Protein backbone atom coordinates (compact mmCIF):
# COMPACT_ATOMS: atom_id res chain seq x y z
CA MET A 1 -0.42 23.07 -21.94
CA SER A 2 -4.25 23.76 -21.81
CA ARG A 3 -5.38 26.74 -20.39
CA GLU A 4 -7.68 26.33 -16.75
CA ARG A 5 -11.20 26.89 -16.90
CA ILE A 6 -13.12 29.45 -14.46
CA LEU A 7 -16.72 29.70 -14.46
CA VAL A 8 -18.29 32.73 -12.98
CA VAL A 9 -21.77 32.76 -11.64
CA ASP A 10 -22.83 36.34 -10.40
CA ASP A 11 -26.04 38.08 -11.20
CA GLU A 12 -24.66 41.61 -12.03
CA SER A 13 -23.25 41.99 -16.01
CA GLY A 14 -20.40 44.19 -14.33
CA VAL A 15 -18.97 42.04 -12.22
CA ARG A 16 -19.16 39.20 -15.23
CA SER A 17 -17.52 41.80 -17.23
CA SER A 18 -15.24 42.98 -15.09
CA LEU A 19 -13.63 39.39 -14.04
CA LYS A 20 -13.79 37.75 -17.42
CA GLY A 21 -11.30 40.22 -18.80
CA VAL A 22 -8.75 40.69 -15.77
CA LEU A 23 -9.16 36.73 -16.25
CA GLU A 24 -8.14 36.24 -19.26
CA ASP A 25 -5.72 38.81 -19.39
CA GLU A 26 -4.28 36.67 -16.55
CA GLY A 27 -4.19 33.77 -19.32
CA TYR A 28 -7.45 31.62 -18.16
CA THR A 29 -10.32 30.28 -20.08
CA VAL A 30 -13.92 32.15 -18.95
CA ASP A 31 -17.03 31.43 -19.17
CA THR A 32 -19.41 33.08 -17.47
CA GLU A 33 -23.05 32.79 -15.81
CA SER A 34 -26.18 35.37 -13.65
CA SER A 35 -27.68 32.29 -12.24
CA ALA A 36 -26.99 29.49 -10.02
CA GLU A 37 -29.09 27.17 -12.20
CA GLY A 38 -27.35 28.16 -15.41
CA GLY A 39 -23.66 27.66 -13.68
CA LEU A 40 -24.83 24.03 -12.31
CA ALA A 41 -26.11 23.35 -15.90
CA ARG A 42 -23.12 24.31 -17.46
CA LEU A 43 -20.53 22.07 -14.98
CA ASP A 44 -22.86 19.24 -16.13
CA LYS A 45 -21.29 19.51 -19.46
CA ASN A 46 -18.08 20.94 -19.05
CA PRO A 47 -14.86 20.29 -16.89
CA TYR A 48 -14.03 24.06 -15.01
CA ASP A 49 -10.87 23.87 -13.04
CA LEU A 50 -12.89 26.97 -10.67
CA VAL A 51 -16.06 28.20 -10.09
CA ILE A 52 -16.01 32.32 -8.79
CA MET A 53 -19.88 32.46 -7.45
CA ASP A 54 -21.78 35.15 -5.71
CA ILE A 55 -23.26 34.12 -2.74
CA TRP A 56 -27.02 36.51 -3.12
CA LEU A 57 -28.24 35.11 -6.41
CA PRO A 58 -32.05 35.01 -7.90
CA ARG A 59 -33.77 31.76 -6.76
CA MET A 60 -31.50 29.41 -6.23
CA ASP A 61 -28.63 31.32 -3.83
CA GLY A 62 -24.84 29.83 -4.19
CA VAL A 63 -24.21 28.28 -0.80
CA GLU A 64 -27.52 25.77 -2.28
CA ALA A 65 -25.59 25.64 -5.49
CA LEU A 66 -21.88 24.85 -3.70
CA ALA A 67 -23.73 22.04 -1.57
CA LYS A 68 -25.33 20.39 -4.87
CA ILE A 69 -21.86 20.68 -6.61
CA ARG A 70 -20.32 19.07 -3.66
CA SER A 71 -22.97 16.10 -3.58
CA LYS A 72 -21.61 15.51 -7.05
CA LYS A 73 -18.58 14.67 -6.02
CA ASN A 74 -17.06 17.37 -8.56
CA ASP A 75 -13.23 18.42 -7.66
CA VAL A 76 -13.73 21.70 -8.77
CA ALA A 77 -12.18 24.29 -6.85
CA THR A 78 -14.73 27.34 -5.68
CA VAL A 79 -14.23 30.38 -4.35
CA MET A 80 -17.65 32.59 -3.08
CA ILE A 81 -18.16 36.01 -3.28
CA SER A 82 -21.02 38.57 -1.54
CA GLY A 83 -22.01 42.17 -1.30
CA HIS A 84 -23.67 41.43 2.12
CA GLY A 85 -20.71 38.82 3.58
CA ASN A 86 -21.00 38.14 7.10
CA ILE A 87 -19.29 35.65 9.11
CA GLU A 88 -21.56 33.26 9.67
CA THR A 89 -22.23 33.15 5.50
CA ALA A 90 -18.60 32.60 5.03
CA VAL A 91 -18.00 30.19 6.99
CA LYS A 92 -20.80 27.99 5.96
CA ALA A 93 -19.74 28.15 2.83
CA ILE A 94 -16.12 27.03 3.62
CA LYS A 95 -17.53 24.08 5.37
CA LEU A 96 -19.06 22.86 2.26
CA GLY A 97 -15.49 22.76 0.95
CA ALA A 98 -15.18 26.61 -0.48
CA TYR A 99 -11.48 27.68 -0.66
CA ASP A 100 -12.22 31.08 0.45
CA PHE A 101 -14.40 33.81 0.40
CA VAL A 102 -14.22 37.37 -0.76
CA GLU A 103 -16.40 40.95 0.09
CA LYS A 104 -17.92 43.38 -2.86
CA PRO A 105 -16.63 46.09 -3.83
CA LEU A 106 -14.34 43.59 -5.18
CA SER A 107 -10.38 44.35 -5.39
CA LEU A 108 -9.53 42.86 -9.00
CA GLU A 109 -5.83 42.68 -7.61
CA LYS A 110 -6.85 40.81 -4.45
CA THR A 111 -9.02 38.06 -6.51
CA VAL A 112 -6.66 37.51 -8.98
CA ILE A 113 -4.36 36.38 -5.72
CA VAL A 114 -6.75 34.32 -4.53
CA VAL A 115 -8.00 32.89 -7.77
CA LYS A 116 -4.12 31.77 -8.60
CA ASN A 117 -3.78 30.52 -4.82
CA ALA A 118 -7.67 28.22 -4.85
CA LEU A 119 -5.92 26.97 -8.50
CA ASN A 120 -2.40 25.83 -6.48
CA HIS A 121 -4.30 24.38 -4.01
CA ARG A 122 -6.64 22.12 -6.62
CA ARG A 123 -3.25 21.38 -8.20
CA LEU A 124 -1.89 20.00 -4.57
CA GLU A 125 -4.89 18.09 -4.12
CA GLN A 126 -4.67 16.36 -7.04
CA GLU A 127 -1.41 15.32 -6.67
CA ASN A 128 -1.39 14.16 -3.70
CA ARG A 129 -4.89 12.15 -4.31
CA TYR A 130 -2.37 10.82 -7.08
CA LEU A 131 0.53 9.78 -5.43
CA ARG A 132 -1.53 8.59 -2.69
CA GLU A 133 -3.41 6.32 -5.25
CA ARG A 134 -0.21 5.23 -6.58
CA PHE A 135 1.09 4.44 -2.98
CA GLU A 136 -2.05 2.16 -2.32
CA SER A 137 -2.06 0.61 -5.87
CA LYS A 138 1.58 -0.84 -4.40
CA HIS A 139 -0.20 -1.97 -0.93
CA VAL A 140 -2.89 -3.96 -2.90
CA LEU A 141 -3.84 -7.81 -2.20
CA ILE A 142 -3.33 -9.02 -5.07
CA GLY A 143 -5.15 -12.91 -6.35
CA ASP A 144 -7.98 -14.59 -6.15
CA SER A 145 -7.39 -17.72 -5.16
CA PRO A 146 -9.31 -19.41 -2.45
CA PRO A 147 -6.94 -18.40 0.29
CA MET A 148 -6.76 -15.13 -0.81
CA LEU A 149 -10.49 -15.00 -1.18
CA ARG A 150 -10.84 -16.49 2.03
CA LEU A 151 -7.99 -14.06 3.50
CA ARG A 152 -9.93 -11.00 2.24
CA GLN A 153 -13.57 -11.60 4.42
CA GLU A 154 -11.35 -12.60 7.01
CA ILE A 155 -9.76 -8.96 6.91
CA ALA A 156 -13.13 -7.43 5.93
CA LEU A 157 -14.60 -8.52 9.40
CA ALA A 158 -11.98 -8.19 11.27
CA ALA A 159 -10.77 -4.31 10.15
CA PRO A 160 -13.59 -2.21 11.88
CA THR A 161 -12.69 -3.33 15.09
CA ASN A 162 -10.00 -2.45 17.40
CA GLY A 163 -8.85 -6.17 17.98
CA ARG A 164 -5.22 -6.70 18.24
CA VAL A 165 -3.98 -9.03 14.97
CA LEU A 166 -1.01 -11.59 14.65
CA ILE A 167 -0.28 -12.15 11.40
CA TYR A 168 1.92 -15.48 10.60
CA GLY A 169 3.64 -16.54 7.38
CA GLU A 170 6.85 -17.15 6.25
CA ASN A 171 9.47 -14.06 4.86
CA GLY A 172 8.15 -12.52 1.57
CA THR A 173 4.50 -13.94 1.57
CA GLY A 174 3.49 -10.26 2.44
CA LYS A 175 2.01 -9.86 5.94
CA GLU A 176 2.63 -5.74 5.96
CA LEU A 177 0.42 -5.74 2.69
CA VAL A 178 -1.96 -7.99 5.34
CA ALA A 179 -1.43 -4.91 8.09
CA ARG A 180 -1.86 -2.63 5.79
CA SER A 181 -5.34 -4.13 4.65
CA ILE A 182 -6.61 -4.07 8.44
CA HIS A 183 -5.54 -0.19 8.69
CA ASN A 184 -6.84 0.89 5.53
CA GLN A 185 -10.25 -0.84 6.01
CA SER A 186 -10.29 0.38 9.80
CA LEU A 187 -12.29 3.26 11.54
CA ARG A 188 -8.53 4.21 11.75
CA HIS A 189 -7.99 4.72 8.19
CA HIS A 190 -7.31 8.36 8.50
CA ALA A 191 -4.73 8.30 11.16
CA LYS A 192 -1.26 6.97 10.48
CA PHE A 193 0.02 3.42 10.04
CA VAL A 194 3.49 3.07 11.59
CA GLU A 195 5.76 0.56 10.80
CA VAL A 196 8.52 -1.41 13.40
CA ASN A 197 10.94 -4.22 12.09
CA CYS A 198 11.86 -5.32 15.29
CA ALA A 199 14.52 -7.65 13.50
CA ALA A 200 16.22 -4.88 12.21
CA ILE A 201 16.96 -2.53 15.39
CA PRO A 202 19.74 -3.15 17.66
CA GLU A 203 18.80 -3.95 20.81
CA GLU A 204 20.21 -0.98 22.85
CA LEU A 205 18.19 0.88 20.51
CA ILE A 206 14.71 -0.71 20.37
CA GLU A 207 13.39 0.89 23.50
CA SER A 208 13.74 4.72 21.95
CA GLU A 209 12.72 3.39 19.50
CA LEU A 210 9.63 2.23 20.59
CA PHE A 211 9.18 4.68 23.04
CA GLY A 212 10.83 7.29 22.41
CA HIS A 213 13.48 9.29 24.90
CA VAL A 214 14.51 13.10 26.21
CA ARG A 215 17.72 15.09 25.11
CA GLY A 216 20.30 13.32 27.43
CA SER A 217 19.15 10.52 29.05
CA PHE A 218 21.72 8.38 27.33
CA THR A 219 24.51 8.67 25.26
CA GLY A 220 24.20 10.32 21.45
CA ALA A 221 20.72 11.27 22.97
CA LEU A 222 21.38 14.75 21.14
CA ILE A 223 17.56 15.41 21.08
CA ASP A 224 14.38 14.49 22.25
CA LYS A 225 13.02 11.84 19.85
CA THR A 226 9.26 10.62 20.05
CA GLY A 227 8.45 6.81 19.79
CA LYS A 228 6.96 5.00 17.50
CA PHE A 229 3.69 4.02 19.85
CA GLU A 230 3.31 7.93 20.48
CA LEU A 231 3.75 8.18 16.58
CA ALA A 232 0.93 5.75 16.13
CA ASP A 233 -1.35 7.11 18.60
CA GLY A 234 -5.33 7.37 16.80
CA GLY A 235 -4.09 5.00 14.59
CA THR A 236 -2.16 1.92 13.87
CA LEU A 237 1.10 0.58 14.95
CA PHE A 238 2.65 -2.69 12.93
CA LEU A 239 5.20 -4.85 14.81
CA ASP A 240 7.17 -6.66 12.44
CA GLU A 241 9.28 -9.48 13.24
CA ILE A 242 7.55 -9.57 16.91
CA GLY A 243 9.04 -13.60 17.22
CA ASP A 244 12.64 -11.46 17.04
CA MET A 245 12.21 -8.82 19.76
CA SER A 246 14.24 -9.41 23.16
CA LEU A 247 12.42 -10.62 26.53
CA LYS A 248 13.28 -7.46 27.85
CA THR A 249 11.70 -5.13 25.44
CA GLN A 250 8.36 -7.79 25.09
CA ALA A 251 7.95 -7.11 28.76
CA LYS A 252 7.82 -3.24 28.35
CA VAL A 253 5.36 -3.56 25.32
CA LEU A 254 3.14 -5.76 27.50
CA ARG A 255 3.06 -3.11 30.45
CA VAL A 256 1.98 -0.66 27.61
CA LEU A 257 -0.79 -3.04 26.06
CA GLN A 258 -2.38 -3.36 29.49
CA GLU A 259 -2.09 0.25 30.52
CA GLN A 260 -2.20 2.06 27.14
CA LYS A 261 0.78 4.21 28.87
CA PHE A 262 4.09 4.67 28.94
CA GLU A 263 6.99 6.83 29.55
CA PRO A 264 9.99 7.37 27.04
CA VAL A 265 13.69 6.88 27.96
CA GLY A 266 14.68 9.42 30.87
CA GLU A 267 11.05 11.02 31.33
CA THR A 268 9.04 10.26 34.37
CA THR A 269 5.55 11.44 32.89
CA SER A 270 3.77 9.35 30.90
CA VAL A 271 2.40 9.22 27.83
CA GLU A 272 -1.12 7.73 27.27
CA ILE A 273 -1.49 6.59 23.56
CA ASP A 274 -4.78 4.77 21.86
CA CYS A 275 -3.22 2.91 18.86
CA ARG A 276 -4.24 -0.53 17.54
CA VAL A 277 -1.14 -2.97 17.38
CA ILE A 278 -0.92 -5.74 14.83
CA ALA A 279 2.37 -7.63 14.85
CA ALA A 280 3.91 -10.04 12.78
CA THR A 281 5.86 -13.01 12.88
CA ASN A 282 8.05 -15.89 10.70
CA LYS A 283 8.38 -18.27 13.57
CA ASN A 284 6.22 -20.41 15.57
CA LEU A 285 5.59 -18.58 18.35
CA GLU A 286 4.23 -21.54 20.53
CA GLU A 287 7.07 -22.97 20.09
CA GLU A 288 9.24 -19.99 21.36
CA ILE A 289 7.60 -19.96 24.32
CA GLN A 290 8.50 -23.40 25.29
CA THR A 291 11.93 -22.89 24.43
CA GLY A 292 11.34 -19.47 27.06
CA ARG A 293 12.03 -17.20 24.27
CA PHE A 294 9.12 -15.40 23.80
CA ARG A 295 6.53 -14.23 26.58
CA GLU A 296 3.32 -16.42 26.96
CA ASP A 297 1.46 -13.50 28.15
CA LEU A 298 2.41 -11.34 25.19
CA PHE A 299 1.53 -13.94 22.83
CA PHE A 300 -1.86 -14.12 24.45
CA ARG A 301 -2.41 -10.34 23.91
CA LEU A 302 -1.53 -10.28 20.66
CA ASN A 303 -2.71 -13.55 19.14
CA VAL A 304 -6.64 -12.06 19.88
CA ILE A 305 -7.36 -12.16 16.19
CA PRO A 306 -4.55 -14.41 14.11
CA PHE A 307 -4.08 -14.17 10.10
CA HIS A 308 -2.07 -16.85 8.22
CA MET A 309 -0.57 -15.36 5.04
CA PRO A 310 -0.23 -18.39 2.83
CA PRO A 311 3.32 -18.66 0.62
CA LEU A 312 3.27 -18.25 -2.82
CA ARG A 313 3.56 -22.02 -3.58
CA GLU A 314 -0.07 -22.61 -1.58
CA ARG A 315 -1.88 -20.28 -4.20
CA ARG A 316 -0.25 -19.98 -7.45
CA GLU A 317 -3.23 -19.42 -9.60
CA ASP A 318 -2.32 -15.84 -8.63
CA ILE A 319 0.83 -16.13 -10.27
CA PRO A 320 0.20 -14.98 -13.43
CA ALA A 321 -1.58 -11.74 -12.36
CA LEU A 322 0.95 -11.29 -9.70
CA SER A 323 3.84 -11.23 -12.41
CA ARG A 324 1.29 -8.92 -14.63
CA HIS A 325 1.03 -6.65 -11.96
CA PHE A 326 4.50 -5.97 -10.74
CA VAL A 327 5.47 -5.68 -14.61
CA ALA A 328 2.76 -2.65 -14.93
CA GLU A 329 4.18 -1.76 -11.97
CA PHE A 330 8.48 -1.49 -12.90
CA SER A 331 7.66 -0.75 -16.49
CA GLU A 332 6.03 2.73 -15.22
CA GLU A 333 8.83 3.11 -12.33
CA ASN A 334 11.43 2.94 -15.17
CA GLY A 335 9.28 4.77 -18.07
CA LYS A 336 8.86 1.62 -20.70
CA LYS A 337 6.25 0.04 -22.20
CA CYS A 338 4.15 -2.52 -20.55
CA LYS A 339 5.88 -6.05 -21.27
CA GLU A 340 3.82 -8.99 -22.62
CA ILE A 341 4.55 -12.60 -20.62
CA ASP A 342 5.04 -15.32 -22.84
CA ARG A 343 2.71 -18.57 -21.93
CA SER A 344 5.72 -20.43 -21.43
CA ALA A 345 7.22 -18.86 -19.54
CA LEU A 346 4.27 -17.98 -16.90
CA ASP A 347 4.03 -21.76 -17.01
CA ARG A 348 7.59 -21.83 -16.00
CA LEU A 349 7.13 -18.86 -13.08
CA VAL A 350 3.48 -20.93 -12.04
CA SER A 351 5.59 -24.64 -11.66
CA TYR A 352 8.48 -23.15 -9.74
CA HIS A 353 8.69 -23.55 -5.91
CA TRP A 354 9.18 -19.65 -5.15
CA PRO A 355 11.12 -20.53 -1.51
CA GLY A 356 11.46 -16.68 -1.51
CA ASN A 357 7.94 -16.09 -2.23
CA VAL A 358 6.38 -13.16 -3.77
CA ARG A 359 9.20 -10.96 -2.66
CA GLU A 360 11.14 -13.03 -5.05
CA LEU A 361 8.76 -12.59 -8.00
CA LYS A 362 8.53 -8.93 -7.77
CA ASN A 363 12.39 -9.15 -7.32
CA ILE A 364 12.65 -11.39 -10.44
CA MET A 365 9.68 -9.24 -12.61
CA GLU A 366 11.96 -5.98 -12.09
CA ARG A 367 14.94 -7.59 -13.57
CA LEU A 368 13.39 -8.64 -16.28
CA VAL A 369 11.81 -5.11 -16.86
CA ILE A 370 14.85 -4.27 -16.62
CA MET A 371 16.84 -6.29 -18.71
CA VAL A 372 15.35 -7.77 -21.28
CA PRO A 373 15.01 -5.47 -24.12
CA SER A 374 12.12 -7.00 -26.20
CA ASP A 375 8.52 -6.16 -25.62
CA ARG A 376 7.69 -9.64 -24.10
CA ILE A 377 9.62 -11.88 -21.59
CA GLU A 378 9.72 -15.00 -23.01
CA GLU A 379 10.73 -18.53 -20.95
CA LYS A 380 14.58 -18.19 -22.49
CA ASP A 381 14.58 -14.77 -20.64
CA LEU A 382 13.81 -16.55 -17.02
CA PRO A 383 16.15 -17.01 -14.55
CA PRO A 384 18.23 -20.48 -14.96
CA PRO A 385 16.47 -21.81 -11.82
CA LEU A 386 12.85 -20.87 -13.92
CA GLN A 387 14.11 -22.67 -17.30
CA GLN A 388 12.71 -25.64 -17.94
CA ASN A 389 15.97 -26.29 -20.77
CA GLY A 390 19.26 -26.20 -19.81
CA ASN A 391 21.52 -27.10 -17.23
CA VAL A 392 20.32 -25.51 -13.91
CA HIS A 393 22.72 -23.19 -12.35
CA PHE A 394 23.00 -23.98 -8.30
CA ASP A 395 22.98 -21.12 -6.96
CA VAL A 396 22.05 -21.56 -3.45
CA LEU A 397 23.78 -18.94 -1.68
CA GLY A 398 20.63 -16.59 -2.03
CA ASP A 399 18.63 -14.89 -0.08
CA PHE A 400 16.59 -18.13 2.20
CA PRO A 401 14.47 -17.11 4.82
CA SER A 402 16.00 -20.59 6.87
CA LEU A 403 17.77 -23.58 6.30
CA ALA A 404 14.84 -25.21 5.13
CA ALA A 405 14.08 -23.27 2.69
CA ALA A 406 17.21 -23.14 0.98
CA ARG A 407 17.06 -27.00 0.78
CA GLU A 408 13.88 -27.17 -0.46
CA ALA A 409 14.95 -24.85 -3.26
CA TYR A 410 18.78 -27.17 -3.81
CA GLU A 411 16.23 -30.15 -4.08
CA SER A 412 13.79 -29.06 -6.54
CA ARG A 413 16.49 -27.46 -8.50
CA TYR A 414 18.43 -30.83 -8.43
CA ILE A 415 15.56 -33.01 -9.69
CA LEU A 416 14.61 -30.52 -12.59
CA ARG A 417 18.37 -30.84 -13.85
CA LYS A 418 17.82 -34.66 -13.53
CA LEU A 419 15.24 -34.99 -15.09
CA HIS A 420 16.62 -33.11 -17.71
CA GLU A 421 19.43 -35.28 -17.82
CA ASN A 422 16.80 -38.16 -18.06
CA ALA A 423 14.93 -36.72 -20.85
CA GLY A 424 12.20 -36.29 -18.38
CA ASN A 425 11.96 -39.83 -17.45
CA VAL A 426 10.50 -40.34 -14.40
CA SER A 427 11.71 -43.59 -13.73
CA LYS A 428 15.09 -43.16 -15.08
CA THR A 429 15.48 -40.37 -12.78
CA ALA A 430 14.04 -41.77 -9.65
CA GLU A 431 16.85 -44.84 -9.92
CA ALA A 432 19.28 -41.78 -10.54
CA LEU A 433 18.11 -40.28 -7.66
CA LYS A 434 17.94 -43.87 -5.73
CA LEU A 435 14.79 -42.84 -4.66
CA GLU A 436 11.26 -44.95 -4.95
CA ARG A 437 9.02 -43.63 -8.40
CA SER A 438 6.41 -43.11 -6.22
CA HIS A 439 8.38 -40.83 -3.58
CA LEU A 440 9.68 -38.96 -6.07
CA TYR A 441 6.34 -38.13 -7.75
CA ARG A 442 5.02 -36.94 -4.31
CA LYS A 443 8.53 -34.45 -4.15
CA MET A 444 7.64 -33.58 -8.00
CA LYS A 445 3.82 -32.47 -6.28
CA SER A 446 5.34 -30.76 -3.70
CA TYR A 447 8.14 -28.53 -5.64
CA GLY A 448 4.96 -27.90 -8.55
CA ILE A 449 7.29 -29.71 -10.94
CA ALA A 450 4.89 -31.42 -13.88
CA PRO A 451 5.87 -34.35 -15.10
CA SER A 452 6.31 -35.12 -18.89
CA LYS A 453 3.23 -35.39 -21.35
CA GLY A 454 4.57 -39.05 -21.86
CA GLU A 455 4.98 -39.68 -17.78
CA GLU A 456 1.42 -38.73 -17.25
CA GLY A 457 -0.94 -41.49 -15.60
CA THR A 458 2.23 -44.62 -16.15
């Protein structure tokens, strides 16, 4: 491991010599400069982990030099020292980003402790930044298809506002990613993004989850609990699968949206909140309203800015980029060399119907990264439903979002099997399926099944 580098900037040679000696004894690499200009020049040429800088320097003082360091987005840690310290100067230095401020005459023992703390703080900041970047890279919208380009433009327009958003889309399309993108590009990005899956919480617990409760308010309420609305104060609350919320809870959510306040379960005092609400659903809420399962007034409150997340089959050109993204992500997670995806395998991925959308693609790529022993994913490595050759395996008991999706998946696989049995001949396959040839072509097109070259244009 390389030794951490420290730059000492002080116009007193005795201070420079003392700090250099004691810090080198601690295992650091230390350089020294007698002026702010010299220190800035060194920083331009060499990376340092910490700068120890005197406030009172000839020509340019340490506070001005600190401002220049920060203006260049340099993440070096800084500790300021001065023989004429005062509260005002210390506060100014801290506001500019200095980690600490120590007065002369220096206690070398105390200075070493401050240096170690400053470097530890810098390491923690770097680790947090790395983890944040990794987290954000997992929550990015991948793809440059027309639907995705349009979606990004809409997000850029809506995000800086406080308008409520309702996101429509099938299961597995990535509605949460849209919600996170809106939050990350909003004026509330510094605050929390709080997610609630309305379909996953039992009806008897949803109110406590959303609004919190006080100890003893019901059986099992052993401690006070802060609700999701309060946790999201100042930030964004994402209500996923809002269509599965009961009418009773819908009424209480509507009231919160109208009044921006609520009472936790068992409490009589109101809690005021300021959070942006983003909701998502895989249901047609207008149909739900007609059947009496969703409140029309809540729908109008939520549906200020509607977004539509397209299913994966409607943006097939994004599948190669998504596949490579997931392969890289899971390779890193599992400590494996990043695998390449063979062209024929990519073609099969693009042509598949993807009833489970991006979530299904992600699960398959994770499986391939873990289970394929070579550095290359080929068509033969794909699960049977995605392979062009060989018998199609009919496993229709998978995780499908609806009966219609399961039916589509079965039908597309059945057509693929019949095509294989008839050597790709569409006319013979249509006859075997007892379908008009034109009808079969339409079905093949809707499922992304390409005819064999001999059949094209006939």
